[in-house]
Amino acid sequence: MITGRQIREARALLGLQRSQLAARVRNITTATIMRAELVDGEPPITTAQADALKEALERAGIEFTSDPPSARLRAAEP
């Protein structure tokens, strides 16, 4: 499960506004992203919404770590 902190970090790394991220994810609103980012841990959104956000951020070049939960830009492949 992606955390609210990871969503915040990933969006910041990509330089995306909430509205820009929402436009990349089907059935996700800016308000949903804002609600998810308000917590550091498990966000108060559905599993499907969390999965959709995670997938969109990974497609944009983000890699998620689990210990500790964090986000970073994926290294370019040689």
PDB file of N, CA and C in Angstrom:
ATOM      1  N   MET A   1       0.848  -1.185   0.000  1.00  0.00           N
ATOM      2  CA  MET A   1       0.000   0.000   0.000  1.00  0.00           C
ATOM      3  C   MET A   1       0.887   1.240   0.000  1.00  0.00           C
ATOM      4  N   ILE A   2       0.570   2.178  -0.837  1.00  0.00           N
ATOM      5  CA  ILE A   2       1.275   3.455  -0.897  1.00  0.00           C
ATOM      6  C   ILE A   2       0.812   4.326   0.279  1.00  0.00           C
ATOM      7  N   THR A   3       1.710   5.122   0.828  1.00  0.00           N
ATOM      8  CA  THR A   3       1.357   5.996   1.949  1.00  0.00           C
ATOM      9  C   THR A   3       1.115   7.423   1.461  1.00  0.00           C
ATOM     10  N   GLY A   4       0.470   8.195   2.307  1.00  0.00           N
ATOM     11  CA  GLY A   4       0.259   9.604   1.989  1.00  0.00           C
ATOM     12  C   GLY A   4       1.573  10.344   1.814  1.00  0.00           C
ATOM     13  N   ARG A   5       2.542  10.031   2.645  1.00  0.00           N
ATOM     14  CA  ARG A   5       3.866  10.661   2.542  1.00  0.00           C
ATOM     15  C   ARG A   5       4.519  10.323   1.201  1.00  0.00           C
ATOM     16  N   GLN A   6       4.411   9.077   0.759  1.00  0.00           N
ATOM     17  CA  GLN A   6       4.994   8.683  -0.517  1.00  0.00           C
ATOM     18  C   GLN A   6       4.338   9.430  -1.686  1.00  0.00           C
ATOM     19  N   ILE A   7       3.039   9.620  -1.610  1.00  0.00           N
ATOM     20  CA  ILE A   7       2.343  10.363  -2.664  1.00  0.00           C
ATOM     21  C   ILE A   7       2.854  11.795  -2.711  1.00  0.00           C
ATOM     22  N   ARG A   8       2.958  12.437  -1.545  1.00  0.00           N
ATOM     23  CA  ARG A   8       3.490  13.805  -1.469  1.00  0.00           C
ATOM     24  C   ARG A   8       4.893  13.882  -2.038  1.00  0.00           C
ATOM     25  N   GLU A   9       5.761  12.959  -1.597  1.00  0.00           N
ATOM     26  CA  GLU A   9       7.158  12.953  -2.048  1.00  0.00           C
ATOM     27  C   GLU A   9       7.248  12.747  -3.557  1.00  0.00           C
ATOM     28  N   ALA A  10       6.499  11.785  -4.061  1.00  0.00           N
ATOM     29  CA  ALA A  10       6.547  11.473  -5.489  1.00  0.00           C
ATOM     30  C   ALA A  10       6.074  12.652  -6.329  1.00  0.00           C
ATOM     31  N   ARG A  11       5.004  13.266  -5.911  1.00  0.00           N
ATOM     32  CA  ARG A  11       4.472  14.411  -6.651  1.00  0.00           C
ATOM     33  C   ARG A  11       5.477  15.556  -6.652  1.00  0.00           C
ATOM     34  N   ALA A  12       6.129  15.778  -5.512  1.00  0.00           N
ATOM     35  CA  ALA A  12       7.141  16.839  -5.420  1.00  0.00           C
ATOM     36  C   ALA A  12       8.340  16.542  -6.315  1.00  0.00           C
ATOM     37  N   LEU A  13       8.783  15.298  -6.322  1.00  0.00           N
ATOM     38  CA  LEU A  13       9.919  14.911  -7.165  1.00  0.00           C
ATOM     39  C   LEU A  13       9.625  15.135  -8.643  1.00  0.00           C
ATOM     40  N   LEU A  14       8.377  14.917  -9.026  1.00  0.00           N
ATOM     41  CA  LEU A  14       7.990  15.095 -10.424  1.00  0.00           C
ATOM     42  C   LEU A  14       7.604  16.530 -10.755  1.00  0.00           C
ATOM     43  N   GLY A  15       7.470  17.367  -9.722  1.00  0.00           N
ATOM     44  CA  GLY A  15       7.078  18.756  -9.945  1.00  0.00           C
ATOM     45  C   GLY A  15       5.643  18.889 -10.424  1.00  0.00           C
ATOM     46  N   LEU A  16       4.776  17.988  -9.956  1.00  0.00           N
ATOM     47  CA  LEU A  16       3.377  18.006 -10.377  1.00  0.00           C
ATOM     48  C   LEU A  16       2.488  18.677  -9.346  1.00  0.00           C
ATOM     49  N   GLN A  17       1.541  19.445  -9.821  1.00  0.00           N
ATOM     50  CA  GLN A  17       0.471  19.952  -8.971  1.00  0.00           C
ATOM     51  C   GLN A  17      -0.527  18.810  -8.765  1.00  0.00           C
ATOM     52  N   ARG A  18      -1.347  18.898  -7.733  1.00  0.00           N
ATOM     53  CA  ARG A  18      -2.356  17.861  -7.515  1.00  0.00           C
ATOM     54  C   ARG A  18      -3.269  17.720  -8.728  1.00  0.00           C
ATOM     55  N   SER A  19      -3.640  18.837  -9.314  1.00  0.00           N
ATOM     56  CA  SER A  19      -4.541  18.797 -10.474  1.00  0.00           C
ATOM     57  C   SER A  19      -3.888  18.084 -11.655  1.00  0.00           C
ATOM     58  N   GLN A  20      -2.580  18.240 -11.814  1.00  0.00           N
ATOM     59  CA  GLN A  20      -1.875  17.565 -12.902  1.00  0.00           C
ATOM     60  C   GLN A  20      -1.831  16.049 -12.671  1.00  0.00           C
ATOM     61  N   LEU A  21      -1.613  15.654 -11.428  1.00  0.00           N
ATOM     62  CA  LEU A  21      -1.619  14.230 -11.117  1.00  0.00           C
ATOM     63  C   LEU A  21      -3.022  13.662 -11.299  1.00  0.00           C
ATOM     64  N   ALA A  22      -4.028  14.372 -10.839  1.00  0.00           N
ATOM     65  CA  ALA A  22      -5.413  13.909 -10.987  1.00  0.00           C
ATOM     66  C   ALA A  22      -5.772  13.709 -12.459  1.00  0.00           C
ATOM     67  N   ALA A  23      -5.257  14.560 -13.323  1.00  0.00           N
ATOM     68  CA  ALA A  23      -5.546  14.442 -14.755  1.00  0.00           C
ATOM     69  C   ALA A  23      -4.931  13.175 -15.353  1.00  0.00           C
ATOM     70  N   ARG A  24      -3.912  12.631 -14.718  1.00  0.00           N
ATOM     71  CA  ARG A  24      -3.239  11.421 -15.215  1.00  0.00           C
ATOM     72  C   ARG A  24      -3.891  10.137 -14.718  1.00  0.00           C
ATOM     73  N   VAL A  25      -4.780  10.250 -13.734  1.00  0.00           N
ATOM     74  CA  VAL A  25      -5.358   9.064 -13.104  1.00  0.00           C
ATOM     75  C   VAL A  25      -6.877   9.081 -13.262  1.00  0.00           C
ATOM     76  N   ARG A  26      -7.397   8.049 -13.851  1.00  0.00           N
ATOM     77  CA  ARG A  26      -8.838   7.958 -14.067  1.00  0.00           C
ATOM     78  C   ARG A  26      -9.574   7.828 -12.728  1.00  0.00           C
ATOM     79  N   ASN A  27     -10.644   8.577 -12.593  1.00  0.00           N
ATOM     80  CA  ASN A  27     -11.520   8.540 -11.412  1.00  0.00           C
ATOM     81  C   ASN A  27     -10.848   8.985 -10.114  1.00  0.00           C
ATOM     82  N   ILE A  28      -9.848   9.840 -10.232  1.00  0.00           N
ATOM     83  CA  ILE A  28      -9.203  10.428  -9.056  1.00  0.00           C
ATOM     84  C   ILE A  28      -9.355  11.936  -9.155  1.00  0.00           C
ATOM     85  N   THR A  29      -9.814  12.554  -8.088  1.00  0.00           N
ATOM     86  CA  THR A  29      -9.977  14.001  -8.078  1.00  0.00           C
ATOM     87  C   THR A  29      -8.844  14.650  -7.285  1.00  0.00           C
ATOM     88  N   THR A  30      -8.728  15.939  -7.477  1.00  0.00           N
ATOM     89  CA  THR A  30      -7.748  16.699  -6.700  1.00  0.00           C
ATOM     90  C   THR A  30      -8.038  16.568  -5.209  1.00  0.00           C
ATOM     91  N   ALA A  31      -9.307  16.566  -4.848  1.00  0.00           N
ATOM     92  CA  ALA A  31      -9.693  16.433  -3.433  1.00  0.00           C
ATOM     93  C   ALA A  31      -9.260  15.079  -2.870  1.00  0.00           C
ATOM     94  N   THR A  32      -9.345  14.031  -3.673  1.00  0.00           N
ATOM     95  CA  THR A  32      -8.918  12.704  -3.230  1.00  0.00           C
ATOM     96  C   THR A  32      -7.420  12.695  -2.957  1.00  0.00           C
ATOM     97  N   ILE A  33      -6.659  13.309  -3.841  1.00  0.00           N
ATOM     98  CA  ILE A  33      -5.205  13.375  -3.641  1.00  0.00           C
ATOM     99  C   ILE A  33      -4.883  14.194  -2.397  1.00  0.00           C
ATOM    100  N   MET A  34      -5.565  15.302  -2.225  1.00  0.00           N
ATOM    101  CA  MET A  34      -5.333  16.142  -1.045  1.00  0.00           C
ATOM    102  C   MET A  34      -5.634  15.359   0.232  1.00  0.00           C
ATOM    103  N   ARG A  35      -6.745  14.631   0.247  1.00  0.00           N
ATOM    104  CA  ARG A  35      -7.122  13.835   1.417  1.00  0.00           C
ATOM    105  C   ARG A  35      -6.067  12.768   1.689  1.00  0.00           C
ATOM    106  N   ALA A  36      -5.564  12.124   0.635  1.00  0.00           N
ATOM    107  CA  ALA A  36      -4.551  11.083   0.797  1.00  0.00           C
ATOM    108  C   ALA A  36      -3.259  11.651   1.365  1.00  0.00           C
ATOM    109  N   GLU A  37      -2.894  12.842   0.922  1.00  0.00           N
ATOM    110  CA  GLU A  37      -1.623  13.450   1.338  1.00  0.00           C
ATOM    111  C   GLU A  37      -1.657  14.036   2.744  1.00  0.00           C
ATOM    112  N   LEU A  38      -2.816  14.142   3.343  1.00  0.00           N
ATOM    113  CA  LEU A  38      -2.922  14.729   4.680  1.00  0.00           C
ATOM    114  C   LEU A  38      -2.344  13.834   5.775  1.00  0.00           C
ATOM    115  N   VAL A  39      -2.183  12.551   5.474  1.00  0.00           N
ATOM    116  CA  VAL A  39      -1.654  11.614   6.468  1.00  0.00           C
ATOM    117  C   VAL A  39      -0.292  11.100   5.999  1.00  0.00           C
ATOM    118  N   ASP A  40       0.541  10.696   6.935  1.00  0.00           N
ATOM    119  CA  ASP A  40       1.835  10.113   6.570  1.00  0.00           C
ATOM    120  C   ASP A  40       1.689   8.631   6.243  1.00  0.00           C
ATOM    121  N   GLY A  41       0.775   7.960   6.914  1.00  0.00           N
ATOM    122  CA  GLY A  41       0.601   6.523   6.738  1.00  0.00           C
ATOM    123  C   GLY A  41      -0.420   6.180   5.676  1.00  0.00           C
ATOM    124  N   GLU A  42      -1.166   5.110   5.929  1.00  0.00           N
ATOM    125  CA  GLU A  42      -2.158   4.620   4.973  1.00  0.00           C
ATOM    126  C   GLU A  42      -3.225   5.692   4.733  1.00  0.00           C
ATOM    127  N   PRO A  43      -3.412   6.087   3.486  1.00  0.00           N
ATOM    128  CA  PRO A  43      -4.336   7.179   3.195  1.00  0.00           C
ATOM    129  C   PRO A  43      -5.799   6.732   3.269  1.00  0.00           C
ATOM    130  N   PRO A  44      -6.687   7.661   3.609  1.00  0.00           N
ATOM    131  CA  PRO A  44      -8.118   7.346   3.718  1.00  0.00           C
ATOM    132  C   PRO A  44      -8.799   7.357   2.344  1.00  0.00           C
ATOM    133  N   ILE A  45      -8.290   6.509   1.447  1.00  0.00           N
ATOM    134  CA  ILE A  45      -8.855   6.357   0.109  1.00  0.00           C
ATOM    135  C   ILE A  45      -9.008   4.862  -0.151  1.00  0.00           C
ATOM    136  N   THR A  46      -9.729   4.507  -1.210  1.00  0.00           N
ATOM    137  CA  THR A  46      -9.926   3.092  -1.491  1.00  0.00           C
ATOM    138  C   THR A  46      -8.634   2.453  -1.987  1.00  0.00           C
ATOM    139  N   THR A  47      -8.573   1.147  -1.884  1.00  0.00           N
ATOM    140  CA  THR A  47      -7.408   0.417  -2.387  1.00  0.00           C
ATOM    141  C   THR A  47      -7.256   0.645  -3.889  1.00  0.00           C
ATOM    142  N   ALA A  48      -8.368   0.669  -4.603  1.00  0.00           N
ATOM    143  CA  ALA A  48      -8.310   0.901  -6.052  1.00  0.00           C
ATOM    144  C   ALA A  48      -7.737   2.281  -6.366  1.00  0.00           C
ATOM    145  N   GLN A  49      -8.113   3.286  -5.595  1.00  0.00           N
ATOM    146  CA  GLN A  49      -7.573   4.632  -5.803  1.00  0.00           C
ATOM    147  C   GLN A  49      -6.082   4.667  -5.498  1.00  0.00           C
ATOM    148  N   ALA A  50      -5.680   4.039  -4.402  1.00  0.00           N
ATOM    149  CA  ALA A  50      -4.261   4.001  -4.033  1.00  0.00           C
ATOM    150  C   ALA A  50      -3.449   3.280  -5.106  1.00  0.00           C
ATOM    151  N   ASP A  51      -3.973   2.174  -5.599  1.00  0.00           N
ATOM    152  CA  ASP A  51      -3.275   1.422  -6.643  1.00  0.00           C
ATOM    153  C   ASP A  51      -3.147   2.242  -7.926  1.00  0.00           C
ATOM    154  N   ALA A  52      -4.214   2.971  -8.286  1.00  0.00           N
ATOM    155  CA  ALA A  52      -4.193   3.795  -9.498  1.00  0.00           C
ATOM    156  C   ALA A  52      -3.176   4.926  -9.371  1.00  0.00           C
ATOM    157  N   LEU A  53      -3.112   5.554  -8.210  1.00  0.00           N
ATOM    158  CA  LEU A  53      -2.128   6.612  -7.980  1.00  0.00           C
ATOM    159  C   LEU A  53      -0.710   6.051  -8.061  1.00  0.00           C
ATOM    160  N   LYS A  54      -0.488   4.927  -7.413  1.00  0.00           N
ATOM    161  CA  LYS A  54       0.844   4.304  -7.418  1.00  0.00           C
ATOM    162  C   LYS A  54       1.264   3.962  -8.839  1.00  0.00           C
ATOM    163  N   GLU A  55       0.373   3.380  -9.601  1.00  0.00           N
ATOM    164  CA  GLU A  55       0.685   3.006 -10.976  1.00  0.00           C
ATOM    165  C   GLU A  55       1.027   4.227 -11.832  1.00  0.00           C
ATOM    166  N   ALA A  56       0.253   5.282 -11.693  1.00  0.00           N
ATOM    167  CA  ALA A  56       0.502   6.503 -12.471  1.00  0.00           C
ATOM    168  C   ALA A  56       1.848   7.119 -12.099  1.00  0.00           C
ATOM    169  N   LEU A  57       2.174   7.131 -10.827  1.00  0.00           N
ATOM    170  CA  LEU A  57       3.443   7.701 -10.388  1.00  0.00           C
ATOM    171  C   LEU A  57       4.623   6.841 -10.848  1.00  0.00           C
ATOM    172  N   GLU A  58       4.452   5.533 -10.822  1.00  0.00           N
ATOM    173  CA  GLU A  58       5.518   4.648 -11.315  1.00  0.00           C
ATOM    174  C   GLU A  58       5.715   4.829 -12.821  1.00  0.00           C
ATOM    175  N   ARG A  59       4.635   4.986 -13.571  1.00  0.00           N
ATOM    176  CA  ARG A  59       4.759   5.235 -15.016  1.00  0.00           C
ATOM    177  C   ARG A  59       5.498   6.536 -15.281  1.00  0.00           C
ATOM    178  N   ALA A  60       5.374   7.489 -14.374  1.00  0.00           N
ATOM    179  CA  ALA A  60       6.021   8.788 -14.532  1.00  0.00           C
ATOM    180  C   ALA A  60       7.492   8.759 -14.105  1.00  0.00           C
ATOM    181  N   GLY A  61       7.971   7.610 -13.574  1.00  0.00           N
ATOM    182  CA  GLY A  61       9.379   7.505 -13.234  1.00  0.00           C
ATOM    183  C   GLY A  61       9.700   7.420 -11.759  1.00  0.00           C
ATOM    184  N   ILE A  62       8.709   7.156 -10.939  1.00  0.00           N
ATOM    185  CA  ILE A  62       8.931   7.058  -9.495  1.00  0.00           C
ATOM    186  C   ILE A  62       9.109   5.602  -9.092  1.00  0.00           C
ATOM    187  N   GLU A  63      10.003   5.409  -8.159  1.00  0.00           N
ATOM    188  CA  GLU A  63      10.227   4.099  -7.555  1.00  0.00           C
ATOM    189  C   GLU A  63       9.908   4.234  -6.073  1.00  0.00           C
ATOM    190  N   PHE A  64       9.146   3.292  -5.541  1.00  0.00           N
ATOM    191  CA  PHE A  64       8.759   3.337  -4.131  1.00  0.00           C
ATOM    192  C   PHE A  64       9.568   2.332  -3.341  1.00  0.00           C
ATOM    193  N   THR A  65       9.981   2.730  -2.131  1.00  0.00           N
ATOM    194  CA  THR A  65      10.690   1.844  -1.217  1.00  0.00           C
ATOM    195  C   THR A  65       9.776   1.577  -0.027  1.00  0.00           C
ATOM    196  N   SER A  66      10.024   0.457   0.647  1.00  0.00           N
ATOM    197  CA  SER A  66       9.139   0.103   1.751  1.00  0.00           C
ATOM    198  C   SER A  66       9.768   0.233   3.132  1.00  0.00           C
ATOM    199  N   ASP A  67      11.097   0.271   3.206  1.00  0.00           N
ATOM    200  CA  ASP A  67      11.724   0.323   4.524  1.00  0.00           C
ATOM    201  C   ASP A  67      12.879   1.317   4.542  1.00  0.00           C
ATOM    202  N   PRO A  68      12.672   2.540   4.891  1.00  0.00           N
ATOM    203  CA  PRO A  68      11.397   3.149   5.279  1.00  0.00           C
ATOM    204  C   PRO A  68      10.581   3.510   4.030  1.00  0.00           C
ATOM    205  N   PRO A  69       9.268   3.661   4.209  1.00  0.00           N
ATOM    206  CA  PRO A  69       8.434   4.043   3.069  1.00  0.00           C
ATOM    207  C   PRO A  69       8.879   5.394   2.505  1.00  0.00           C
ATOM    208  N   SER A  70       9.223   5.401   1.233  1.00  0.00           N
ATOM    209  CA  SER A  70       9.720   6.612   0.612  1.00  0.00           C
ATOM    210  C   SER A  70       9.472   6.531  -0.897  1.00  0.00           C
ATOM    211  N   ALA A  71       9.794   7.618  -1.578  1.00  0.00           N
ATOM    212  CA  ALA A  71       9.702   7.680  -3.035  1.00  0.00           C
ATOM    213  C   ALA A  71      10.973   8.300  -3.565  1.00  0.00           C
ATOM    214  N   ARG A  72      11.405   7.838  -4.725  1.00  0.00           N
ATOM    215  CA  ARG A  72      12.578   8.425  -5.361  1.00  0.00           C
ATOM    216  C   ARG A  72      12.422   8.277  -6.876  1.00  0.00           C
ATOM    217  N   LEU A  73      13.177   9.082  -7.592  1.00  0.00           N
ATOM    218  CA  LEU A  73      13.166   8.974  -9.045  1.00  0.00           C
ATOM    219  C   LEU A  73      13.886   7.688  -9.425  1.00  0.00           C
ATOM    220  N   ARG A  74      13.322   6.965 -10.353  1.00  0.00           N
ATOM    221  CA  ARG A  74      13.933   5.725 -10.828  1.00  0.00           C
ATOM    222  C   ARG A  74      15.194   6.067 -11.615  1.00  0.00           C
ATOM    223  N   ALA A  75      16.237   5.323 -11.398  1.00  0.00           N
ATOM    224  CA  ALA A  75      17.495   5.539 -12.114  1.00  0.00           C
ATOM    225  C   ALA A  75      17.310   5.218 -13.595  1.00  0.00           C
ATOM    226  N   ALA A  76      17.932   6.001 -14.435  1.00  0.00           N
ATOM    227  CA  ALA A  76      17.868   5.750 -15.869  1.00  0.00           C
ATOM    228  C   ALA A  76      18.607   4.458 -16.189  1.00  0.00           C
ATOM    229  N   GLU A  77      18.028   3.703 -17.103  1.00  0.00           N
ATOM    230  CA  GLU A  77      18.666   2.447 -17.500  1.00  0.00           C
ATOM    231  C   GLU A  77      19.769   2.742 -18.506  1.00  0.00           C
ATOM    232  N   PRO A  78      20.948   2.100 -18.368  1.00  0.00           N
ATOM    233  CA  PRO A  78      22.054   2.374 -19.279  1.00  0.00           C
ATOM    234  C   PRO A  78      21.780   1.884 -20.691  1.00  0.00           C
TER     235      PRO A  78
END
